[in-house]
Amino acid sequence: MSGDSTLLLGGSLAVFPAQEVLQWLAHHPGEGVLRFDVPAGEAPFHGSLGVHVHDGVVVSIKPGETGWVARENAKPRFRTAGQVKPSESDPLPQSCVPAAALQPKRGTLGAILLEKNLLTIGQLRYGLAMQRMELRRKAPPRLGDLLERLGFVSRESIEDALKDLAAFRLAELCCCSEGQFTLLEGGQSEPCLPSGERVEYLLLRAVHIADHLGWADSDS
């Protein structure tokens, strides 16, 4: 997203919820990046999110620099390290990397691959450990690229999981009642989470995720 992009629309999520803004954009031709900035509060996350839309299709979803914070009262839907079956051996000694750094967080690529039974907990912990060891590099590998290079997951499976992750991010966004949104003309470079789905369909998936996790009617 270039710095000289034309501002097309802007407003408050308290007045215009994210879901309504996206539904409006679904029926308008053209290309733009809908950026959401959400402050810390009771929502499933806080941070920024850029949704690249072209003629009613979500091209990609890109989390911003501030990061995302999972709800403290939400239960993980994947097995933790303490629930690993004896048959799922851990290729690395636990002393190599702090245990907390090897836990898959809900709403991450690793957690989604586990939920889809495309990866074992041992393989994921190995990949996370390898990624952490390479953090000193100027450009450490992305987890998906690393897992593919290790032969644990195919590229097609990673791309499908990234699309699921895009829907998850949108589900978090639709639960936010505070923050600001801006629509800027044009696209964004270096897409983080590819989608390629129409806005209406992706919103349906996001609503289903929010309902499943109990976010839609949660006040906590």
Protein backbone atom coordinates (compact mmCIF):
# COMPACT_ATOMS: atom_id res chain seq x y z
CA MET A 1 0.00 0.00 0.00
CA SER A 2 1.66 3.15 -1.16
CA GLY A 3 1.87 6.28 0.94
CA ASP A 4 0.14 8.42 -1.71
CA SER A 5 -2.97 6.23 -1.99
CA THR A 6 -6.28 8.07 -2.30
CA LEU A 7 -8.58 7.88 0.72
CA LEU A 8 -12.00 6.69 -0.44
CA LEU A 9 -13.80 6.01 2.83
CA GLY A 10 -13.29 6.17 6.57
CA GLY A 11 -15.21 5.85 9.79
CA SER A 12 -15.69 4.24 13.19
CA LEU A 13 -16.40 0.55 13.84
CA ALA A 14 -18.74 1.64 16.63
CA VAL A 15 -21.00 3.19 13.97
CA PHE A 16 -20.28 0.91 11.01
CA PRO A 17 -19.30 -2.65 12.06
CA ALA A 18 -16.60 -4.36 10.03
CA GLN A 19 -19.06 -6.89 8.63
CA GLU A 20 -21.33 -4.15 7.24
CA VAL A 21 -18.39 -2.28 5.72
CA LEU A 22 -17.21 -5.43 3.97
CA GLN A 23 -20.72 -6.27 2.77
CA TRP A 24 -20.98 -2.79 1.26
CA LEU A 25 -17.63 -3.21 -0.45
CA ALA A 26 -18.67 -6.60 -1.86
CA HIS A 27 -21.09 -4.89 -4.26
CA HIS A 28 -18.81 -2.09 -5.44
CA PRO A 29 -16.35 -2.59 -8.30
CA GLY A 30 -12.76 -1.46 -8.13
CA GLU A 31 -9.67 -2.21 -6.08
CA GLY A 32 -8.75 -0.98 -2.64
CA VAL A 33 -7.32 -1.88 0.75
CA LEU A 34 -9.68 -1.70 3.70
CA ARG A 35 -7.54 -1.08 6.78
CA PHE A 36 -8.87 -1.68 10.27
CA ASP A 37 -7.16 -0.36 13.43
CA VAL A 38 -8.48 -1.81 16.68
CA PRO A 39 -7.35 -0.64 20.16
CA ALA A 40 -6.73 -3.01 23.04
CA GLY A 41 -9.98 -3.95 24.75
CA GLU A 42 -12.46 -6.80 25.03
CA ALA A 43 -12.26 -7.92 21.40
CA PRO A 44 -10.48 -11.18 20.48
CA PHE A 45 -7.48 -9.13 19.38
CA HIS A 46 -6.07 -5.67 19.00
CA GLY A 47 -3.94 -4.38 16.18
CA SER A 48 -4.35 -3.60 12.51
CA LEU A 49 -5.54 -5.56 9.52
CA GLY A 50 -5.50 -4.78 5.81
CA VAL A 51 -8.09 -6.45 3.56
CA HIS A 52 -7.24 -6.19 -0.13
CA VAL A 53 -10.46 -6.34 -2.17
CA HIS A 54 -10.74 -6.32 -5.97
CA ASP A 55 -14.20 -6.33 -7.61
CA GLY A 56 -15.82 -8.04 -4.63
CA VAL A 57 -13.07 -10.62 -4.16
CA VAL A 58 -10.74 -10.67 -1.15
CA VAL A 59 -7.27 -10.96 -2.65
CA SER A 60 -5.40 -11.16 0.64
CA ILE A 61 -5.51 -10.27 4.31
CA LYS A 62 -2.47 -8.74 5.97
CA PRO A 63 -2.05 -8.30 9.75
CA GLY A 64 -0.27 -5.11 10.70
CA GLU A 65 2.77 -4.41 12.82
CA THR A 66 1.10 -4.31 16.23
CA GLY A 67 0.27 -8.00 16.35
CA TRP A 68 -2.70 -9.99 17.55
CA VAL A 69 -3.68 -11.07 21.05
CA ALA A 70 -5.78 -14.16 21.65
CA ARG A 71 -8.64 -14.06 24.15
CA GLU A 72 -7.46 -15.23 27.56
CA ASN A 73 -10.70 -17.11 28.28
CA ALA A 74 -10.82 -18.96 24.95
CA LYS A 75 -9.96 -22.66 25.14
CA PRO A 76 -7.50 -23.98 22.55
CA ARG A 77 -8.96 -26.43 20.05
CA PHE A 78 -5.73 -28.34 19.57
CA ARG A 79 -3.56 -30.54 21.74
CA THR A 80 -0.88 -28.93 23.85
CA ALA A 81 2.54 -30.38 24.54
CA GLY A 82 1.23 -32.00 27.73
CA GLN A 83 -1.30 -33.96 25.69
CA VAL A 84 1.15 -35.44 23.19
CA LYS A 85 0.66 -39.15 22.66
CA PRO A 86 3.68 -41.38 23.35
CA SER A 87 3.71 -42.42 19.68
CA GLU A 88 4.29 -38.82 18.61
CA SER A 89 7.97 -38.47 19.37
CA ASP A 90 9.52 -35.05 19.67
CA PRO A 91 12.56 -34.89 17.33
CA LEU A 92 14.28 -32.22 19.48
CA PRO A 93 15.24 -32.35 23.15
CA GLN A 94 12.98 -30.01 25.12
CA SER A 95 16.03 -28.32 26.60
CA CYS A 96 16.98 -26.87 23.19
CA VAL A 97 14.19 -24.29 23.17
CA PRO A 98 11.95 -22.95 25.94
CA ALA A 99 8.73 -24.99 26.07
CA ALA A 100 6.53 -21.88 25.91
CA ALA A 101 8.02 -20.99 22.54
CA LEU A 102 6.95 -24.34 21.10
CA GLN A 103 3.26 -24.16 21.96
CA PRO A 104 0.93 -23.62 18.99
CA LYS A 105 -1.32 -20.62 19.56
CA ARG A 106 -4.91 -20.62 18.41
CA GLY A 107 -5.35 -18.80 15.15
CA THR A 108 -1.88 -19.59 13.83
CA LEU A 109 -0.79 -21.64 10.83
CA GLY A 110 0.59 -24.39 13.05
CA ALA A 111 -2.64 -24.74 15.03
CA ILE A 112 -4.73 -24.94 11.85
CA LEU A 113 -2.46 -27.62 10.37
CA LEU A 114 -2.85 -29.61 13.60
CA GLU A 115 -6.64 -29.25 13.55
CA LYS A 116 -6.73 -30.49 9.95
CA ASN A 117 -4.55 -33.48 10.90
CA LEU A 118 -1.92 -32.44 8.36
CA LEU A 119 0.85 -32.23 10.94
CA THR A 120 1.80 -33.97 14.19
CA ILE A 121 2.64 -32.05 17.32
CA GLY A 122 6.18 -33.40 17.13
CA GLN A 123 6.65 -32.11 13.59
CA LEU A 124 5.25 -28.71 14.51
CA ARG A 125 7.49 -28.38 17.57
CA TYR A 126 10.48 -29.30 15.44
CA GLY A 127 9.56 -26.69 12.85
CA LEU A 128 9.02 -24.01 15.49
CA ALA A 129 12.35 -24.84 17.12
CA MET A 130 14.16 -24.66 13.78
CA GLN A 131 12.47 -21.32 13.02
CA ARG A 132 13.43 -19.92 16.41
CA MET A 133 17.04 -20.98 15.94
CA GLU A 134 17.18 -19.04 12.66
CA LEU A 135 15.71 -15.82 14.06
CA ARG A 136 19.15 -14.22 14.08
CA ARG A 137 19.10 -14.18 10.30
CA LYS A 138 18.01 -11.01 8.54
CA ALA A 139 15.20 -12.92 6.79
CA PRO A 140 14.22 -15.99 8.84
CA PRO A 141 12.07 -18.52 6.96
CA ARG A 142 8.30 -18.46 7.34
CA LEU A 143 6.90 -21.43 9.18
CA GLY A 144 4.99 -22.71 6.15
CA ASP A 145 8.08 -22.57 3.93
CA LEU A 146 10.13 -24.31 6.61
CA LEU A 147 7.59 -27.11 7.11
CA GLU A 148 7.45 -27.65 3.35
CA ARG A 149 11.24 -27.72 3.11
CA LEU A 150 11.37 -30.33 5.88
CA GLY A 151 8.91 -32.47 3.92
CA PHE A 152 6.23 -32.38 6.63
CA VAL A 153 3.47 -30.62 4.66
CA SER A 154 2.80 -30.06 0.96
CA ARG A 155 2.61 -26.57 -0.55
CA GLU A 156 -1.05 -27.14 -1.46
CA SER A 157 -1.92 -27.99 2.16
CA ILE A 158 -0.09 -24.89 3.40
CA GLU A 159 -1.95 -22.64 0.95
CA ASP A 160 -5.30 -24.12 2.02
CA ALA A 161 -4.39 -23.59 5.68
CA LEU A 162 -3.43 -19.98 4.98
CA LYS A 163 -6.87 -19.41 3.44
CA ASP A 164 -8.43 -20.83 6.61
CA LEU A 165 -6.22 -18.50 8.62
CA ALA A 166 -7.47 -15.54 6.58
CA ALA A 167 -11.05 -16.49 7.50
CA PHE A 168 -10.02 -16.76 11.16
CA ARG A 169 -8.55 -13.27 11.11
CA LEU A 170 -11.73 -11.93 9.58
CA ALA A 171 -13.77 -13.68 12.28
CA GLU A 172 -11.73 -11.89 14.95
CA LEU A 173 -12.27 -8.60 13.17
CA CYS A 174 -16.04 -9.01 12.91
CA CYS A 175 -16.23 -9.30 16.71
CA CYS A 176 -14.74 -5.83 17.22
CA SER A 177 -17.01 -2.94 18.13
CA GLU A 178 -14.26 -0.34 18.61
CA GLY A 179 -11.68 1.06 16.26
CA GLN A 180 -11.38 2.85 12.95
CA PHE A 181 -11.45 1.81 9.31
CA THR A 182 -10.13 3.46 6.15
CA LEU A 183 -10.51 2.45 2.52
CA LEU A 184 -7.56 3.37 0.31
CA GLU A 185 -7.52 3.09 -3.46
CA GLY A 186 -5.22 0.48 -5.03
CA GLY A 187 -3.71 -2.78 -3.80
CA GLN A 188 -1.11 -3.86 -1.28
CA SER A 189 2.29 -5.42 -1.83
CA GLU A 190 3.55 -8.66 -0.30
CA PRO A 191 0.24 -10.30 0.62
CA CYS A 192 0.47 -12.17 3.90
CA LEU A 193 -2.61 -14.40 3.86
CA PRO A 194 -3.95 -15.23 0.37
CA SER A 195 -7.68 -15.69 -0.03
CA GLY A 196 -9.16 -15.42 -3.52
CA GLU A 197 -12.72 -15.82 -2.17
CA ARG A 198 -15.65 -13.49 -2.68
CA VAL A 199 -16.36 -11.20 0.24
CA GLU A 200 -19.80 -12.71 0.91
CA TYR A 201 -18.47 -16.27 1.12
CA LEU A 202 -15.52 -15.34 3.29
CA LEU A 203 -17.83 -13.45 5.66
CA LEU A 204 -20.03 -16.55 5.99
CA ARG A 205 -16.97 -18.59 6.95
CA ALA A 206 -15.90 -15.92 9.42
CA VAL A 207 -19.33 -15.82 11.08
CA HIS A 208 -19.31 -19.63 11.36
CA ILE A 209 -15.89 -19.51 13.06
CA ALA A 210 -17.01 -16.78 15.47
CA ASP A 211 -20.16 -18.74 16.38
CA HIS A 212 -18.18 -21.95 16.85
CA LEU A 213 -15.73 -20.25 19.22
CA GLY A 214 -18.49 -18.45 21.11
CA TRP A 215 -17.32 -14.98 20.18
CA ALA A 216 -20.53 -13.74 18.61
CA ASP A 217 -22.52 -13.66 21.85
CA SER A 218 -19.67 -13.27 24.34
CA ASP A 219 -19.41 -10.16 26.48
CA SER A 220 -16.31 -11.24 28.35
